[in-house]
Structure formats: C-alpha cells, structure tokens
N, C-alpha and C. Protein backbone atom coordinates (compact mmCIF):
# COMPACT_ATOMS: atom_id res chain seq x y z
N UNK A 1 116.14 147.46 302.39
CA UNK A 1 116.55 146.99 302.87
C UNK A 1 118.51 147.39 301.94
N UNK A 2 119.49 146.71 303.46
CA UNK A 2 120.51 147.21 303.12
C UNK A 2 120.99 145.91 302.31
N UNK A 3 121.85 145.93 301.47
CA UNK A 3 122.71 145.11 300.95
C UNK A 3 123.84 145.07 301.36
N UNK A 4 124.13 144.04 302.20
CA UNK A 4 126.18 144.10 302.75
C UNK A 4 126.31 144.62 301.25
N UNK A 5 126.62 144.46 300.23
CA UNK A 5 127.62 144.99 299.43
C UNK A 5 127.62 146.28 299.12
N UNK A 6 126.41 147.01 299.58
CA UNK A 6 126.52 148.58 299.53
C UNK A 6 128.00 149.07 300.69
N UNK A 7 127.35 147.90 301.91
CA UNK A 7 128.32 148.42 303.02
C UNK A 7 130.00 148.04 302.76
N UNK A 8 130.23 147.22 301.91
CA UNK A 8 131.60 146.60 301.52
C UNK A 8 131.91 148.03 300.71
N UNK A 9 130.78 148.26 300.00
CA UNK A 9 131.54 149.25 298.53
C UNK A 9 131.57 150.47 299.53
N UNK A 10 131.24 151.29 300.47
CA UNK A 10 130.80 152.25 301.18
C UNK A 10 132.59 152.67 301.95
N UNK A 11 132.50 151.32 302.55
CA UNK A 11 134.01 151.18 303.69
C UNK A 11 135.21 151.15 302.35
N UNK A 12 135.04 150.53 301.02
CA UNK A 12 135.94 150.62 299.81
C UNK A 12 136.09 152.11 299.62
N UNK A 13 135.26 153.05 299.57
CA UNK A 13 135.10 154.34 299.11
C UNK A 13 135.84 155.01 300.66
N UNK A 14 135.54 154.78 301.45
CA UNK A 14 136.26 155.43 302.71
C UNK A 14 137.44 155.06 302.81
N UNK A 15 137.83 153.90 302.53
CA UNK A 15 139.77 153.71 302.57
C UNK A 15 140.13 154.97 301.51
N UNK A 16 139.49 154.46 300.44
CA UNK A 16 140.36 155.69 299.64
C UNK A 16 140.32 157.16 300.13
N UNK A 17 139.23 157.61 300.34
CA UNK A 17 138.93 158.91 300.61
C UNK A 17 140.06 159.40 301.76
N UNK A 18 139.92 158.13 302.95
CA UNK A 18 141.28 158.73 304.12
C UNK A 18 142.69 158.19 303.82
N UNK A 19 142.94 157.67 302.54
CA UNK A 19 143.85 157.32 301.79
C UNK A 19 144.50 158.98 301.35
N UNK A 20 143.63 159.55 300.78
CA UNK A 20 143.53 160.33 299.90
C UNK A 20 144.08 162.04 300.61
N UNK A 21 143.04 161.60 301.73
CA UNK A 21 143.50 163.08 302.69
C UNK A 21 144.96 162.54 304.04
N UNK A 22 145.05 161.26 303.92
CA UNK A 22 146.15 161.38 304.74
C UNK A 22 145.93 161.45 305.96
N UNK A 23 144.14 160.87 306.62
CA UNK A 23 143.97 160.98 307.97
C UNK A 23 143.70 159.37 308.56
N UNK A 24 143.31 159.41 309.84
CA UNK A 24 143.04 158.38 310.56
C UNK A 24 141.18 158.16 311.18
N UNK A 25 140.90 157.02 310.94
CA UNK A 25 139.50 156.71 311.61
C UNK A 25 139.81 156.03 312.31
N UNK A 26 138.59 156.62 313.45
CA UNK A 26 138.34 155.70 314.49
C UNK A 26 136.79 155.55 314.93
N UNK A 27 136.19 154.24 315.47
CA UNK A 27 134.82 154.71 316.15
C UNK A 27 134.44 154.30 317.48
N UNK A 28 133.59 154.95 317.81
CA UNK A 28 132.96 154.53 319.22
C UNK A 28 131.72 153.81 319.25
N UNK A 29 131.21 152.85 319.35
CA UNK A 29 129.68 152.19 318.88
C UNK A 29 129.15 151.65 320.20
N UNK A 30 128.07 151.51 320.28
CA UNK A 30 126.96 150.92 321.18
C UNK A 30 125.82 149.76 320.68
N UNK A 31 125.12 150.57 319.97
CA UNK A 31 123.77 149.65 319.55
C UNK A 31 124.49 148.51 318.36
N UNK A 32 126.01 149.30 317.59
CA UNK A 32 126.30 148.49 316.08
C UNK A 32 126.88 147.25 317.36
N UNK A 33 127.54 147.47 318.32
CA UNK A 33 128.47 146.49 318.26
C UNK A 33 129.61 146.09 317.48
N UNK A 34 130.73 147.21 317.10
CA UNK A 34 131.73 147.37 315.99
C UNK A 34 131.69 147.18 314.75
N UNK A 35 130.51 146.76 314.53
CA UNK A 35 129.98 146.51 313.05
C UNK A 35 130.33 147.54 311.93
N UNK A 36 130.99 149.26 312.72
CA UNK A 36 131.06 150.06 311.63
C UNK A 36 132.73 149.73 311.18
N UNK A 37 133.44 149.43 312.39
CA UNK A 37 134.94 148.92 312.93
C UNK A 37 134.88 147.64 311.66
N UNK A 38 134.29 146.88 311.87
CA UNK A 38 134.16 145.62 311.11
C UNK A 38 134.49 145.97 309.30
N UNK A 39 133.49 146.84 309.48
CA UNK A 39 133.23 147.17 307.66
C UNK A 39 134.72 148.11 307.15
N UNK A 40 134.97 148.70 307.83
CA UNK A 40 136.56 149.43 308.00
C UNK A 40 137.39 148.39 307.57
N UNK A 41 137.71 147.46 308.65
CA UNK A 41 138.95 146.51 308.44
C UNK A 41 138.61 145.36 307.19
N UNK A 42 137.41 145.31 307.03
CA UNK A 42 137.30 144.23 305.87
C UNK A 42 137.63 145.13 304.31
N UNK A 43 138.08 146.29 304.42
CA UNK A 43 139.00 146.91 303.44
C UNK A 43 140.83 146.43 303.42
N UNK A 44 141.15 146.19 302.30
CA UNK A 44 142.27 144.89 302.44
C UNK A 44 143.12 146.67 302.38
N UNK A 45 144.32 146.82 303.10
CA UNK A 45 145.16 148.32 303.49
C UNK A 45 144.51 149.24 304.64
N UNK A 46 143.60 148.31 305.37
CA UNK A 46 142.82 149.53 306.44
C UNK A 46 143.71 149.92 307.85
N UNK A 47 144.72 149.23 307.38
CA UNK A 47 145.59 149.54 309.01
C UNK A 47 146.51 150.82 308.88
N UNK A 48 146.39 151.50 306.76
CA UNK A 48 146.85 152.34 307.18
C UNK A 48 145.97 153.80 307.15
N UNK A 49 144.61 153.72 308.05
CA UNK A 49 144.10 154.56 308.22
C UNK A 49 143.31 154.34 309.47
N UNK A 50 143.66 153.10 309.89
CA UNK A 50 142.40 152.34 311.11
C UNK A 50 143.11 151.60 311.95
N UNK A 51 143.33 152.70 313.79
CA UNK A 51 144.42 151.83 314.45
C UNK A 51 143.27 150.78 315.63
N UNK A 52 141.78 151.47 315.79
CA UNK A 52 141.28 150.61 316.77
C UNK A 52 140.08 151.35 316.99
N UNK A 53 139.32 150.97 317.75
CA UNK A 53 137.70 151.27 318.22
C UNK A 53 137.45 151.14 319.59
N UNK A 54 136.10 151.51 319.66
CA UNK A 54 135.88 151.40 321.42
C UNK A 54 134.35 150.82 321.20
N UNK A 55 133.69 149.70 321.36
CA UNK A 55 132.66 149.28 321.55
C UNK A 55 132.06 149.32 322.94
N UNK A 56 131.43 150.31 323.13
CA UNK A 56 131.02 151.10 324.52
C UNK A 56 129.49 150.36 324.64
N UNK A 57 128.88 149.87 324.56
CA UNK A 57 127.74 148.73 325.23
C UNK A 57 127.20 149.64 326.30
N UNK A 58 128.12 149.27 327.55
CA UNK A 58 127.43 149.84 328.85
C UNK A 58 127.61 151.12 328.48
N UNK A 59 126.55 151.98 329.97
CA UNK A 59 126.61 153.48 329.67
C UNK A 59 128.12 153.59 331.20
N UNK A 60 128.36 152.74 331.46
CA UNK A 60 129.58 152.91 332.85
C UNK A 60 131.27 152.67 331.57
N UNK A 61 131.28 152.00 330.49
CA UNK A 61 132.26 151.97 329.50
C UNK A 61 132.08 153.94 328.82
N UNK A 62 130.75 154.25 328.69
CA UNK A 62 131.20 155.54 327.68
C UNK A 62 131.31 156.52 328.71
N UNK A 63 130.84 156.04 330.00
CA UNK A 63 131.76 157.35 331.05
C UNK A 63 133.21 156.95 331.27
N UNK A 64 133.79 156.23 331.63
CA UNK A 64 135.34 155.54 332.38
C UNK A 64 136.05 155.77 331.51
N UNK A 65 136.03 155.36 330.23
CA UNK A 65 136.57 155.06 329.07
C UNK A 65 136.76 156.09 327.86
N UNK A 66 135.16 156.39 327.63
CA UNK A 66 135.19 157.79 326.57
C UNK A 66 134.95 159.29 327.27
N UNK A 67 134.97 159.21 328.31
CA UNK A 67 134.45 159.96 329.57
C UNK A 67 133.38 161.38 329.15
N UNK A 68 132.19 160.45 328.82
CA UNK A 68 130.82 160.81 328.70
C UNK A 68 130.70 161.26 330.08
N UNK A 69 129.51 162.32 329.97
CA UNK A 69 130.05 162.81 331.59
C UNK A 69 128.50 162.14 332.11
N UNK A 70 128.64 161.63 333.64
CA UNK A 70 127.55 160.88 334.20
C UNK A 70 126.72 161.64 334.07
N UNK A 71 125.86 162.98 334.31
CA UNK A 71 125.28 163.64 334.32
C UNK A 71 124.55 163.54 332.75
N UNK A 72 125.20 163.88 331.83
CA UNK A 72 124.36 164.04 330.59
C UNK A 72 123.48 162.26 330.68
N UNK A 73 124.32 161.71 330.91
CA UNK A 73 123.76 159.79 330.58
C UNK A 73 122.49 159.99 331.87
N UNK A 74 122.37 160.62 332.57
CA UNK A 74 121.39 160.16 333.40
C UNK A 74 119.95 160.87 332.90
N UNK A 75 120.35 162.61 332.80
CA UNK A 75 119.43 163.33 332.56
C UNK A 75 118.92 163.24 330.80
N UNK A 76 119.99 162.85 330.23
CA UNK A 76 119.49 162.80 328.28
C UNK A 76 119.33 161.40 327.89
N UNK A 77 120.20 160.43 328.79
CA UNK A 77 120.18 159.21 328.54
C UNK A 77 121.17 158.50 326.96
N UNK A 78 121.27 157.67 327.33
CA UNK A 78 122.66 156.95 326.48
C UNK A 78 122.33 157.40 325.01
N UNK A 79 121.03 157.36 324.38
CA UNK A 79 120.63 157.45 323.05
C UNK A 79 120.39 159.01 323.21
N UNK A 80 121.30 159.91 323.23
CA UNK A 80 120.96 161.12 323.04
C UNK A 80 121.70 161.81 322.24
N UNK A 81 121.88 162.89 322.08
CA UNK A 81 122.67 163.84 320.88
C UNK A 81 123.72 164.13 322.01
N UNK A 82 123.79 164.26 323.19
CA UNK A 82 125.17 165.37 324.04
C UNK A 82 125.90 163.85 324.11
N UNK A 83 125.11 162.67 324.49
CA UNK A 83 126.28 161.77 324.45
C UNK A 83 127.04 161.56 323.17
N UNK A 84 125.89 161.03 322.22
CA UNK A 84 126.64 160.70 321.11
C UNK A 84 127.52 161.57 320.61
N UNK A 85 127.83 163.34 320.91
CA UNK A 85 129.12 163.97 320.73
C UNK A 85 130.41 163.43 321.56
N UNK A 86 130.13 163.36 322.89
CA UNK A 86 131.44 163.10 324.10
C UNK A 86 131.26 161.71 323.61
N UNK A 87 131.28 160.83 323.16
CA UNK A 87 131.77 159.66 322.34
C UNK A 87 132.33 159.81 321.20
N UNK A 88 132.13 160.41 320.44
CA UNK A 88 132.90 160.62 319.36
C UNK A 88 134.31 161.37 319.59
N UNK A 89 133.80 162.62 320.61
CA UNK A 89 135.26 163.27 321.00
C UNK A 89 136.33 162.34 321.94
N UNK A 90 135.70 161.88 322.72
CA UNK A 90 136.39 160.76 323.51
C UNK A 90 137.42 159.84 322.87
N UNK A 91 136.68 159.17 321.44
CA UNK A 91 137.51 158.24 321.14
C UNK A 91 138.17 158.56 320.24
N UNK A 92 137.94 160.09 319.53
CA UNK A 92 138.93 161.08 318.73
C UNK A 92 140.14 160.87 319.19
N UNK A 93 140.26 161.72 320.70
CA UNK A 93 141.45 162.19 321.15
C UNK A 93 142.22 160.63 322.13
N UNK A 94 141.58 159.87 321.98
CA UNK A 94 141.59 158.13 322.56
C UNK A 94 142.91 157.44 321.12
N UNK A 95 142.30 157.70 320.43
CA UNK A 95 142.89 156.99 318.98
C UNK A 95 144.17 157.84 318.59
N UNK A 96 144.31 159.00 318.74
CA UNK A 96 144.77 160.38 317.99
C UNK A 96 144.14 159.95 316.83
N UNK A 97 143.51 160.02 316.08
CA UNK A 97 142.72 160.08 314.88
C UNK A 97 142.42 161.18 314.47
N UNK A 98 142.17 161.50 313.04
CA UNK A 98 141.65 162.58 312.50
C UNK A 98 139.75 162.70 312.69
N UNK A 99 139.36 161.58 312.38
CA UNK A 99 138.30 161.49 312.17
C UNK A 99 137.52 160.37 313.18
N UNK A 100 136.09 160.80 314.17
CA UNK A 100 135.86 159.55 314.55
C UNK A 100 134.21 159.38 314.24
N UNK A 101 133.72 158.51 314.05
CA UNK A 101 131.78 158.65 314.09
C UNK A 101 131.59 157.75 315.59
N UNK A 102 130.81 158.28 316.28
CA UNK A 102 130.07 157.64 317.42
C UNK A 102 128.45 157.11 317.48
N UNK A 103 128.06 156.16 317.49
CA UNK A 103 126.99 155.91 317.75
C UNK A 103 126.47 155.11 319.17
N UNK A 104 125.23 155.36 319.06
CA UNK A 104 124.36 155.35 320.37
C UNK A 104 123.00 155.08 319.63
N UNK A 105 122.23 153.78 320.17
CA UNK A 105 120.95 153.95 319.79
C UNK A 105 120.00 152.72 320.15
N UNK A 106 118.68 152.57 319.61
CA UNK A 106 118.13 151.25 319.95
C UNK A 106 118.00 150.41 318.80
N UNK A 107 118.85 149.55 319.16
CA UNK A 107 118.57 148.26 318.28
C UNK A 107 116.87 147.17 317.78
N UNK A 108 116.63 147.37 319.05
CA UNK A 108 115.51 146.18 319.09
C UNK A 108 115.67 145.00 319.76
N UNK A 109 115.21 144.06 319.41
CA UNK A 109 113.67 144.15 319.53
C UNK A 109 112.59 145.00 320.57
N UNK A 110 113.63 145.38 321.89
CA UNK A 110 113.34 145.75 323.26
C UNK A 110 113.81 146.82 323.53
N UNK A 111 113.63 147.80 324.12
CA UNK A 111 114.36 148.60 325.08
C UNK A 111 113.56 149.83 324.46
N UNK A 112 112.76 149.77 323.49
CA UNK A 112 112.64 151.42 323.31
C UNK A 112 110.99 151.72 324.01
N UNK A 113 110.62 153.40 323.87
CA UNK A 113 109.87 153.93 324.71
C UNK A 113 109.46 154.62 323.77
N UNK A 114 107.98 155.55 323.90
CA UNK A 114 107.49 156.43 323.24
C UNK A 114 108.11 157.48 322.86
N UNK A 115 109.20 157.92 323.59
CA UNK A 115 109.98 159.11 323.40
C UNK A 115 111.16 158.77 322.31
N UNK A 116 111.70 157.64 322.89
CA UNK A 116 112.29 156.54 321.63
C UNK A 116 112.57 155.67 321.75
N UNK A 117 111.75 155.21 320.13
CA UNK A 117 111.19 154.31 319.81
C UNK A 117 112.48 153.29 319.63
N UNK A 118 112.15 152.42 319.50
CA UNK A 118 112.82 151.14 318.65
C UNK A 118 113.25 151.41 317.14
N UNK A 119 114.69 151.45 316.80
CA UNK A 119 115.09 152.45 315.66
C UNK A 119 115.64 153.76 315.77
N UNK A 120 115.69 154.33 316.85
CA UNK A 120 115.97 155.48 317.28
C UNK A 120 117.73 155.47 317.80
N UNK A 121 118.47 156.02 316.65
CA UNK A 121 120.14 156.09 316.60
C UNK A 121 120.48 157.74 316.77
N UNK A 122 121.59 157.80 317.37
CA UNK A 122 121.90 158.86 317.34
C UNK A 122 123.37 158.68 316.94
N UNK A 123 124.08 159.66 315.46
CA UNK A 123 125.51 159.35 315.04
C UNK A 123 126.17 160.44 314.64
N UNK A 124 127.23 160.70 315.69
CA UNK A 124 127.67 162.14 315.90
C UNK A 124 129.28 161.87 314.86
N UNK A 125 129.69 162.68 314.16
CA UNK A 125 130.91 162.49 313.64
C UNK A 125 131.44 163.73 313.99
N UNK A 126 132.96 163.46 314.51
CA UNK A 126 134.25 164.58 315.02
C UNK A 126 135.08 164.60 314.39
N UNK A 127 136.06 165.57 314.14
CA UNK A 127 137.14 165.72 313.17
C UNK A 127 137.93 166.57 313.17
N UNK A 128 139.28 166.63 313.13
CA UNK A 128 139.97 167.56 313.05
C UNK A 128 141.38 167.36 313.12
N UNK A 129 142.49 168.39 312.54
CA UNK A 129 143.70 167.68 312.07
C UNK A 129 144.61 169.08 312.39
N UNK A 130 145.55 168.82 312.24
CA UNK A 130 146.91 169.06 313.75
C UNK A 130 146.32 170.14 314.74
N UNK A 131 146.24 171.13 314.85
CA UNK A 131 146.12 172.33 315.58
C UNK A 131 144.78 172.96 315.45
N UNK A 132 143.94 172.52 314.10
CA UNK A 132 142.16 172.75 314.45
C UNK A 132 141.39 172.47 315.70
N UNK A 133 140.44 172.78 316.31
CA UNK A 133 139.49 172.53 317.23
C UNK A 133 138.54 171.52 316.26
N UNK A 134 138.49 170.75 317.24
CA UNK A 134 137.27 169.27 317.11
C UNK A 134 136.40 170.16 316.95
N UNK A 135 135.45 169.57 315.64
CA UNK A 135 134.40 169.78 314.84
C UNK A 135 133.49 168.71 314.58
N UNK A 136 132.25 168.80 315.59
CA UNK A 136 131.29 167.81 315.88
C UNK A 136 130.09 168.16 314.94
N UNK A 137 129.43 167.63 314.02
CA UNK A 137 128.09 167.11 313.32
C UNK A 137 127.68 165.77 314.37
N UNK A 138 126.13 166.02 314.79
CA UNK A 138 125.52 164.65 314.89
C UNK A 138 124.21 164.90 314.44
N UNK A 139 123.46 163.71 314.16
CA UNK A 139 121.87 163.48 313.02
C UNK A 139 121.22 162.10 314.28
N UNK A 140 120.23 162.60 314.13
CA UNK A 140 119.26 161.13 315.03
C UNK A 140 118.52 160.66 313.97
N UNK A 141 118.36 159.56 313.78
CA UNK A 141 117.78 158.83 312.73
C UNK A 141 116.31 158.03 313.66
N UNK A 142 115.84 157.48 312.46
CA UNK A 142 115.17 156.69 312.86
C UNK A 142 114.98 155.76 311.84
N UNK A 143 115.05 154.24 311.91
CA UNK A 143 115.16 153.25 311.34
C UNK A 143 114.10 152.21 311.43
N UNK A 144 113.99 151.68 310.09
CA UNK A 144 113.10 150.55 310.24
C UNK A 144 113.49 149.41 310.29
N UNK A 145 112.73 148.44 310.64
CA UNK A 145 113.17 146.81 310.45
C UNK A 145 113.10 146.04 312.14
N UNK A 146 114.02 145.02 311.68
CA UNK A 146 114.67 144.53 312.68
C UNK A 146 115.87 144.86 313.32
N UNK A 147 116.76 143.86 314.30
CA UNK A 147 117.32 144.55 315.14
C UNK A 147 118.86 144.31 313.82
N UNK A 148 118.91 143.80 312.91
CA UNK A 148 120.08 143.41 311.78
C UNK A 148 119.48 144.38 310.59
N UNK A 149 118.93 145.08 311.04
CA UNK A 149 118.06 145.81 309.47
C UNK A 149 118.59 147.38 310.14
N UNK A 150 117.96 147.38 311.49
CA UNK A 150 118.48 148.79 312.36
C UNK A 150 119.95 149.37 312.33
N UNK A 151 121.08 147.83 312.27
CA UNK A 151 122.07 148.10 313.01
C UNK A 151 122.42 148.42 311.39
N UNK A 152 122.39 147.51 309.69
CA UNK A 152 123.01 147.74 308.60
C UNK A 152 122.77 148.90 308.33
N UNK A 153 121.61 149.70 308.34
CA UNK A 153 121.14 151.02 308.32
C UNK A 153 122.06 151.90 308.69
N UNK A 154 122.31 151.71 310.23
CA UNK A 154 123.23 152.31 310.82
C UNK A 154 124.28 152.61 310.30
N UNK A 155 124.94 151.64 310.16
CA UNK A 155 125.96 151.15 309.62
C UNK A 155 126.55 151.74 308.08
N UNK A 156 125.67 151.77 307.28
CA UNK A 156 125.52 153.09 306.00
C UNK A 156 125.98 154.02 306.26
N UNK A 157 124.68 154.84 307.13
CA UNK A 157 124.47 156.22 307.74
C UNK A 157 125.94 156.72 308.12
N UNK A 158 126.46 155.99 309.13
CA UNK A 158 127.46 156.37 310.08
C UNK A 158 128.89 156.61 308.77
N UNK A 159 129.11 155.58 307.60
CA UNK A 159 130.05 155.67 306.59
C UNK A 159 129.79 156.78 305.70
N UNK A 160 128.39 157.43 305.42
CA UNK A 160 127.96 157.96 304.65
C UNK A 160 128.54 159.05 305.04
N UNK A 161 128.59 159.36 306.16
CA UNK A 161 128.31 160.98 307.35
C UNK A 161 129.98 160.64 307.05
N UNK A 162 130.74 159.99 307.45
CA UNK A 162 132.20 159.99 307.16
C UNK A 162 132.59 160.78 306.02
N UNK A 163 132.14 159.92 305.07
CA UNK A 163 132.28 160.60 303.17
C UNK A 163 131.94 161.69 303.33
N UNK A 164 131.21 162.20 303.88
CA UNK A 164 130.72 163.39 303.58
C UNK A 164 132.10 164.60 304.34
N UNK A 165 132.10 164.11 305.48
CA UNK A 165 133.01 165.01 306.28
C UNK A 165 134.74 164.95 305.47
N UNK A 166 134.50 163.84 305.16
CA UNK A 166 136.05 163.61 304.00
C UNK A 166 135.86 164.89 302.89
N UNK A 167 134.66 164.57 301.90
CA UNK A 167 134.48 165.26 301.31
C UNK A 167 134.77 166.85 301.11
N UNK A 168 133.94 167.15 302.12
CA UNK A 168 134.12 168.51 302.85
C UNK A 168 135.54 169.57 302.99
N UNK A 169 136.45 168.49 303.58
CA UNK A 169 137.23 168.65 304.23
C UNK A 169 138.85 168.23 302.99
N UNK A 170 138.50 168.02 301.49
CA UNK A 170 139.80 167.50 301.11
C UNK A 170 140.16 169.10 300.16
N UNK A 171 140.98 169.22 300.23
CA UNK A 171 141.57 170.76 299.46
C UNK A 171 142.02 170.24 297.91
N UNK A 172 141.14 171.48 297.33
CA UNK A 172 141.14 171.38 296.34
C UNK A 172 142.85 170.73 295.28
N UNK A 173 142.68 169.88 294.57
CA UNK A 173 144.32 169.17 293.76
C UNK A 173 144.54 168.14 294.95
N UNK A 174 143.47 167.94 296.04
CA UNK A 174 143.84 166.27 296.45
C UNK A 174 143.48 165.22 295.94
N UNK A 175 142.53 165.43 294.82
CA UNK A 175 141.61 164.26 294.23
C UNK A 175 142.24 163.59 292.77
C-alpha cells in the first residue's frame, strides 16, 4: 500500500532535481485524473518548474488536444504503449517543458478485459533539452488493489520515472 507521505516525499525530491537541472515538467494524465500534477503542485515553489498539465480522460481529448493518432487509439486502445508515448510527446510540445509524463490505464473497478485487466497502466516519459531530439521511454505496469490504490501506485511510479530521467541527465558537477 502506498503511503501518501511517500508521494509527498517523491514530489519534493522531484522539485529539487528539477530546480538543479533547471528543467520544467508537465503531465498528460488519464486514469490518475491529474493526481501527478496535484502531487507536483503540492510542493512549495512548484511554479518554478511546472506550468500546467492536461487531463485527457476521453479519447477525443487525447486525439484533439494531445495529437494522438486516431488510428492508434482504435487499433491499440487508449491503454497502450503507442498512445502513452504520443500523449507524452504532445504535452511536452504543448507546455514547452523539458520533461513530460503521460499515463493511460484502467484503474477499475470496471473496464478491464482479459487482455488488459484492471490495474494495467502504461506510463511514458518524454524529455528534451534545447535542440536535442525528444527521447521517450515507456513501461507497462500491473498494479493491484482498488481504484485509489491503483492510482496511488501509478503516481509513485510516474514520479520515480521522472526522477530516473533527471538522474540520467544531470551533468557532473550539477549536484
């Protein structure tokens, strides 16, 4: 079970790492309904590294706002690697950030299938700086528990992933 203190601690760590790197972060969230953005903005000074986020619960918002290919939504479904990756790229460009996380999953209690059971969540992290090309990583998770447990575990993994990206891209001497 995720302790909400863990989320607060991770969000603070993220803020410190973003400040050190001088990066800005954004989110595109579906099944978490903005919970990652809420965790980020719970930290004092978040306006130094966060401008905004998109909660794209409906596929039409994923397509029309974030630029997710309608064919991919139809072919792979909203809870898929291609969709999560496109959500991350879309919000990264929209918010002029250096780092974005995108989340699409099935928090439950309904909506799961044999192929994609409740607790299936795709998270994608996109990052770029200056003229470098966007780099994207994505992972599929299978969380257990009720809706709030799935959402809390997703928030933790989303922030851990952002911290990992920042750790990999801190130049020596920036710490």
